[in-house]
């Protein structure tokens, strides 16, 4: 089975350890199109991405995050369950009640 000539050129360039942004001007494609084409070729040939390799695994919050910090409203120390927690439970519930009342 004959491959796409563009894909063959991309595979040759990849063997030369060129990065997608370096390949892009040579083949007239965007680097994202190159990444997608090479990835689809890889999957077609049997690659099975693991959870560790997936893009979004690096973007997920660390579920085991714990710590303490001061509430931004009342300044009392509380246990954090996310690195984005800024308010203690009491202040969070008060703010939720206020916003529902305002609607």
N, C-alpha and C. Protein backbone atom coordinates (compact mmCIF):
# COMPACT_ATOMS: atom_id res chain seq x y z
N UNK A 1 0.85 -1.19 0.00
CA UNK A 1 0.00 0.00 0.00
C UNK A 1 0.89 1.24 0.00
N UNK A 2 0.65 2.12 -0.93
CA UNK A 2 1.45 3.33 -1.07
C UNK A 2 0.91 4.40 -0.13
N UNK A 3 1.84 5.05 0.58
CA UNK A 3 1.45 6.11 1.50
C UNK A 3 1.35 7.44 0.77
N UNK A 4 0.74 8.36 1.43
CA UNK A 4 0.66 9.74 0.97
C UNK A 4 2.08 10.29 0.85
N UNK A 5 2.43 10.94 -0.28
CA UNK A 5 3.81 11.46 -0.43
C UNK A 5 4.17 12.51 0.63
N UNK A 6 3.18 13.26 1.09
CA UNK A 6 3.44 14.25 2.13
C UNK A 6 3.80 13.54 3.44
N UNK A 7 3.08 12.47 3.74
CA UNK A 7 3.36 11.70 4.95
C UNK A 7 4.74 11.07 4.88
N UNK A 8 5.11 10.55 3.70
CA UNK A 8 6.45 9.98 3.55
C UNK A 8 7.53 11.02 3.80
N UNK A 9 7.31 12.23 3.29
CA UNK A 9 8.29 13.30 3.51
C UNK A 9 8.35 13.67 5.00
N UNK A 10 7.18 13.73 5.66
CA UNK A 10 7.15 14.04 7.09
C UNK A 10 7.88 12.98 7.90
N UNK A 11 7.69 11.71 7.54
CA UNK A 11 8.37 10.64 8.26
C UNK A 11 9.88 10.72 8.06
N UNK A 12 10.32 11.08 6.84
CA UNK A 12 11.76 11.25 6.59
C UNK A 12 12.31 12.41 7.42
N UNK A 13 11.57 13.50 7.46
CA UNK A 13 12.02 14.66 8.24
C UNK A 13 12.04 14.34 9.73
N UNK A 14 11.07 13.53 10.16
CA UNK A 14 11.03 13.15 11.57
C UNK A 14 12.23 12.27 11.94
N UNK A 15 12.66 11.43 11.00
CA UNK A 15 13.84 10.59 11.24
C UNK A 15 15.11 11.44 11.36
N UNK A 16 15.08 12.62 10.75
CA UNK A 16 16.21 13.55 10.85
C UNK A 16 16.14 14.39 12.13
N UNK A 17 15.19 14.04 13.01
CA UNK A 17 14.98 14.72 14.30
C UNK A 17 14.59 16.19 14.15
N UNK A 18 13.84 16.50 13.10
CA UNK A 18 13.32 17.86 12.96
C UNK A 18 12.01 17.97 13.72
N UNK A 19 11.76 19.12 14.27
CA UNK A 19 10.53 19.38 15.02
C UNK A 19 9.46 19.89 14.04
N UNK A 20 8.17 19.77 14.43
CA UNK A 20 7.09 20.18 13.52
C UNK A 20 7.20 21.63 13.03
N UNK A 21 7.66 22.53 13.88
CA UNK A 21 7.77 23.92 13.42
C UNK A 21 8.89 24.08 12.39
N UNK A 22 9.85 23.15 12.37
CA UNK A 22 10.90 23.19 11.36
C UNK A 22 10.44 22.51 10.06
N UNK A 23 9.55 21.51 10.19
CA UNK A 23 9.02 20.82 9.01
C UNK A 23 8.00 21.65 8.25
N UNK A 24 7.28 22.50 8.96
CA UNK A 24 6.14 23.23 8.39
C UNK A 24 6.49 23.99 7.11
N UNK A 25 7.54 24.81 7.08
CA UNK A 25 7.82 25.53 5.83
C UNK A 25 8.26 24.60 4.69
N UNK A 26 8.81 23.45 5.01
CA UNK A 26 9.29 22.52 3.99
C UNK A 26 8.16 21.83 3.25
N UNK A 27 7.04 21.60 3.95
CA UNK A 27 5.92 20.89 3.32
C UNK A 27 4.70 21.78 3.10
N UNK A 28 4.74 23.02 3.59
CA UNK A 28 3.64 23.95 3.37
C UNK A 28 2.41 23.66 4.19
N UNK A 29 2.62 23.17 5.41
CA UNK A 29 1.51 22.88 6.31
C UNK A 29 1.77 23.57 7.64
N UNK A 30 0.72 23.72 8.45
CA UNK A 30 0.93 24.27 9.79
C UNK A 30 1.52 23.18 10.68
N UNK A 31 2.14 23.60 11.75
CA UNK A 31 2.76 22.61 12.63
C UNK A 31 1.71 21.73 13.30
N UNK A 32 0.52 22.27 13.55
CA UNK A 32 -0.55 21.47 14.15
C UNK A 32 -1.06 20.42 13.17
N UNK A 33 -1.12 20.76 11.88
CA UNK A 33 -1.52 19.78 10.87
C UNK A 33 -0.49 18.66 10.78
N UNK A 34 0.78 19.01 10.91
CA UNK A 34 1.85 18.02 10.89
C UNK A 34 1.75 17.09 12.10
N UNK A 35 1.55 17.69 13.27
CA UNK A 35 1.42 16.89 14.50
C UNK A 35 0.25 15.92 14.37
N UNK A 36 -0.88 16.40 13.86
CA UNK A 36 -2.06 15.55 13.70
C UNK A 36 -1.83 14.43 12.70
N UNK A 37 -1.21 14.75 11.59
CA UNK A 37 -0.96 13.74 10.56
C UNK A 37 -0.02 12.65 11.08
N UNK A 38 1.05 13.05 11.77
CA UNK A 38 1.98 12.07 12.31
C UNK A 38 1.33 11.24 13.42
N UNK A 39 0.49 11.87 14.23
CA UNK A 39 -0.18 11.14 15.32
C UNK A 39 -1.16 10.13 14.75
N UNK A 40 -1.94 10.53 13.75
CA UNK A 40 -2.90 9.59 13.14
C UNK A 40 -2.18 8.42 12.50
N UNK A 41 -1.02 8.68 11.88
CA UNK A 41 -0.22 7.60 11.31
C UNK A 41 0.26 6.65 12.40
N UNK A 42 0.68 7.21 13.51
CA UNK A 42 1.17 6.42 14.64
C UNK A 42 0.06 5.52 15.20
N UNK A 43 -1.14 6.09 15.36
CA UNK A 43 -2.28 5.32 15.88
C UNK A 43 -2.70 4.24 14.89
N UNK A 44 -2.68 4.58 13.62
CA UNK A 44 -3.06 3.61 12.57
C UNK A 44 -2.12 2.41 12.58
N UNK A 45 -0.87 2.61 12.97
CA UNK A 45 0.10 1.53 13.00
C UNK A 45 0.18 0.83 14.34
N UNK A 46 -0.83 1.00 15.20
CA UNK A 46 -0.92 0.20 16.41
C UNK A 46 -0.60 0.90 17.71
N UNK A 47 -0.23 2.17 17.68
CA UNK A 47 0.06 2.88 18.94
C UNK A 47 -1.23 3.06 19.72
N UNK A 48 -1.18 2.70 21.00
CA UNK A 48 -2.31 2.90 21.89
C UNK A 48 -1.87 3.85 22.99
N UNK A 49 -2.44 5.08 23.01
CA UNK A 49 -2.00 6.04 24.03
C UNK A 49 -2.37 5.57 25.42
N UNK A 50 -1.45 5.72 26.34
CA UNK A 50 -1.74 5.41 27.73
C UNK A 50 -2.26 6.67 28.40
N UNK A 51 -2.83 6.52 29.55
CA UNK A 51 -3.34 7.68 30.27
C UNK A 51 -2.22 8.67 30.57
N UNK A 52 -1.04 8.14 30.83
CA UNK A 52 0.11 8.98 31.13
C UNK A 52 0.51 9.84 29.92
N UNK A 53 0.33 9.29 28.72
CA UNK A 53 0.72 10.00 27.51
C UNK A 53 -0.33 10.99 27.02
N UNK A 54 -1.54 10.91 27.52
CA UNK A 54 -2.58 11.77 26.98
C UNK A 54 -2.33 13.23 27.35
N UNK A 55 -2.77 14.10 26.50
CA UNK A 55 -2.51 15.53 26.66
C UNK A 55 -3.15 16.07 27.92
N UNK A 56 -4.38 15.68 28.18
CA UNK A 56 -5.10 16.30 29.29
C UNK A 56 -4.66 15.80 30.66
N UNK A 57 -3.88 14.72 30.74
CA UNK A 57 -3.46 14.24 32.06
C UNK A 57 -2.56 15.26 32.74
N UNK A 58 -1.83 16.04 31.96
CA UNK A 58 -0.98 17.07 32.56
C UNK A 58 -1.79 18.28 32.99
N UNK A 59 -2.99 18.39 32.45
CA UNK A 59 -3.83 19.54 32.76
C UNK A 59 -4.76 19.30 33.94
N UNK A 60 -4.92 18.05 34.35
CA UNK A 60 -5.85 17.73 35.44
C UNK A 60 -5.32 18.23 36.77
N UNK A 61 -6.25 18.56 37.64
CA UNK A 61 -5.87 18.95 38.99
C UNK A 61 -5.35 17.75 39.76
N UNK A 62 -4.44 18.00 40.61
CA UNK A 62 -3.94 16.94 41.47
C UNK A 62 -5.00 16.68 42.54
N UNK A 63 -5.62 15.52 42.48
CA UNK A 63 -6.72 15.22 43.40
C UNK A 63 -6.24 15.01 44.83
N UNK A 64 -4.97 14.72 45.01
CA UNK A 64 -4.43 14.47 46.34
C UNK A 64 -3.88 15.74 46.99
N UNK A 65 -4.19 16.88 46.44
CA UNK A 65 -3.67 18.13 46.97
C UNK A 65 -4.33 18.44 48.30
N UNK A 66 -3.54 18.69 49.30
CA UNK A 66 -4.06 19.10 50.60
C UNK A 66 -3.17 20.18 51.15
N UNK A 67 -3.70 20.94 52.04
CA UNK A 67 -2.92 22.00 52.66
C UNK A 67 -3.81 22.90 53.47
N UNK A 68 -3.22 23.90 54.03
CA UNK A 68 -3.97 24.89 54.81
C UNK A 68 -3.64 26.27 54.28
N UNK A 69 -4.61 27.16 54.40
CA UNK A 69 -4.40 28.55 54.04
C UNK A 69 -5.43 29.41 54.76
N UNK A 70 -5.26 30.71 54.72
CA UNK A 70 -6.20 31.63 55.34
C UNK A 70 -7.28 31.99 54.33
N UNK A 71 -8.51 32.08 54.83
CA UNK A 71 -9.65 32.48 54.00
C UNK A 71 -9.45 33.93 53.55
N UNK A 72 -9.80 34.24 52.32
CA UNK A 72 -9.66 35.61 51.81
C UNK A 72 -10.66 36.58 52.44
N UNK A 73 -11.74 36.07 53.05
CA UNK A 73 -12.76 36.94 53.63
C UNK A 73 -12.57 37.08 55.13
N UNK A 74 -12.59 35.95 55.84
CA UNK A 74 -12.59 36.02 57.31
C UNK A 74 -11.20 35.80 57.92
N UNK A 75 -10.23 35.46 57.11
CA UNK A 75 -8.83 35.26 57.54
C UNK A 75 -8.64 34.06 58.47
N UNK A 76 -9.64 33.19 58.61
CA UNK A 76 -9.49 31.98 59.41
C UNK A 76 -8.80 30.91 58.57
N UNK A 77 -8.00 30.09 59.23
CA UNK A 77 -7.31 29.02 58.52
C UNK A 77 -8.29 27.89 58.21
N UNK A 78 -8.20 27.33 56.99
CA UNK A 78 -9.06 26.21 56.61
C UNK A 78 -8.26 25.21 55.79
N UNK A 79 -8.80 23.99 55.68
CA UNK A 79 -8.15 22.94 54.89
C UNK A 79 -8.51 23.11 53.43
N UNK A 80 -7.49 23.12 52.58
CA UNK A 80 -7.71 23.22 51.15
C UNK A 80 -7.84 21.83 50.55
N UNK A 81 -8.72 21.68 49.56
CA UNK A 81 -8.80 20.43 48.82
C UNK A 81 -8.37 20.64 47.38
N UNK A 82 -8.16 21.88 46.98
CA UNK A 82 -7.69 22.22 45.65
C UNK A 82 -6.76 23.42 45.77
N UNK A 83 -5.84 23.52 44.85
CA UNK A 83 -4.94 24.67 44.91
C UNK A 83 -5.67 25.97 44.58
N UNK A 84 -6.90 25.88 44.11
CA UNK A 84 -7.68 27.07 43.78
C UNK A 84 -8.62 27.51 44.89
N UNK A 85 -8.67 26.78 45.99
CA UNK A 85 -9.55 27.17 47.10
C UNK A 85 -9.07 28.49 47.71
N UNK A 86 -9.99 29.42 47.87
CA UNK A 86 -9.66 30.72 48.44
C UNK A 86 -10.51 31.06 49.65
N UNK A 87 -11.62 30.33 49.84
CA UNK A 87 -12.56 30.66 50.90
C UNK A 87 -12.88 29.45 51.74
N UNK A 88 -13.11 29.66 53.03
CA UNK A 88 -13.52 28.57 53.92
C UNK A 88 -14.96 28.20 53.59
N UNK A 89 -15.43 27.09 54.13
CA UNK A 89 -16.79 26.61 53.83
C UNK A 89 -17.86 27.61 54.23
N UNK A 90 -17.69 28.25 55.39
CA UNK A 90 -18.70 29.21 55.87
C UNK A 90 -18.82 30.39 54.91
N UNK A 91 -17.69 30.96 54.52
CA UNK A 91 -17.72 32.11 53.60
C UNK A 91 -18.22 31.70 52.22
N UNK A 92 -17.87 30.50 51.77
CA UNK A 92 -18.34 30.02 50.47
C UNK A 92 -19.84 29.85 50.47
N UNK A 93 -20.40 29.29 51.55
CA UNK A 93 -21.85 29.11 51.64
C UNK A 93 -22.57 30.45 51.72
N UNK A 94 -21.98 31.40 52.45
CA UNK A 94 -22.57 32.74 52.55
C UNK A 94 -22.60 33.41 51.19
N UNK A 95 -21.52 33.29 50.44
CA UNK A 95 -21.46 33.90 49.11
C UNK A 95 -22.45 33.23 48.17
N UNK A 96 -22.62 31.93 48.28
CA UNK A 96 -23.58 31.22 47.44
C UNK A 96 -25.00 31.68 47.75
N UNK A 97 -25.32 31.84 49.03
CA UNK A 97 -26.66 32.30 49.41
C UNK A 97 -26.89 33.72 48.93
N UNK A 98 -25.88 34.58 49.02
CA UNK A 98 -26.04 35.95 48.57
C UNK A 98 -26.26 36.04 47.07
N UNK A 99 -25.51 35.27 46.30
CA UNK A 99 -25.66 35.35 44.86
C UNK A 99 -27.01 34.77 44.41
N UNK A 100 -27.53 33.73 45.09
CA UNK A 100 -28.84 33.20 44.72
C UNK A 100 -29.94 34.19 45.09
N UNK A 101 -29.73 34.94 46.17
CA UNK A 101 -30.70 35.95 46.59
C UNK A 101 -30.73 37.10 45.58
N UNK A 102 -29.58 37.45 45.01
CA UNK A 102 -29.49 38.57 44.09
C UNK A 102 -30.13 38.26 42.75
N UNK A 103 -30.27 36.97 42.40
CA UNK A 103 -30.84 36.61 41.11
C UNK A 103 -32.30 36.70 41.09
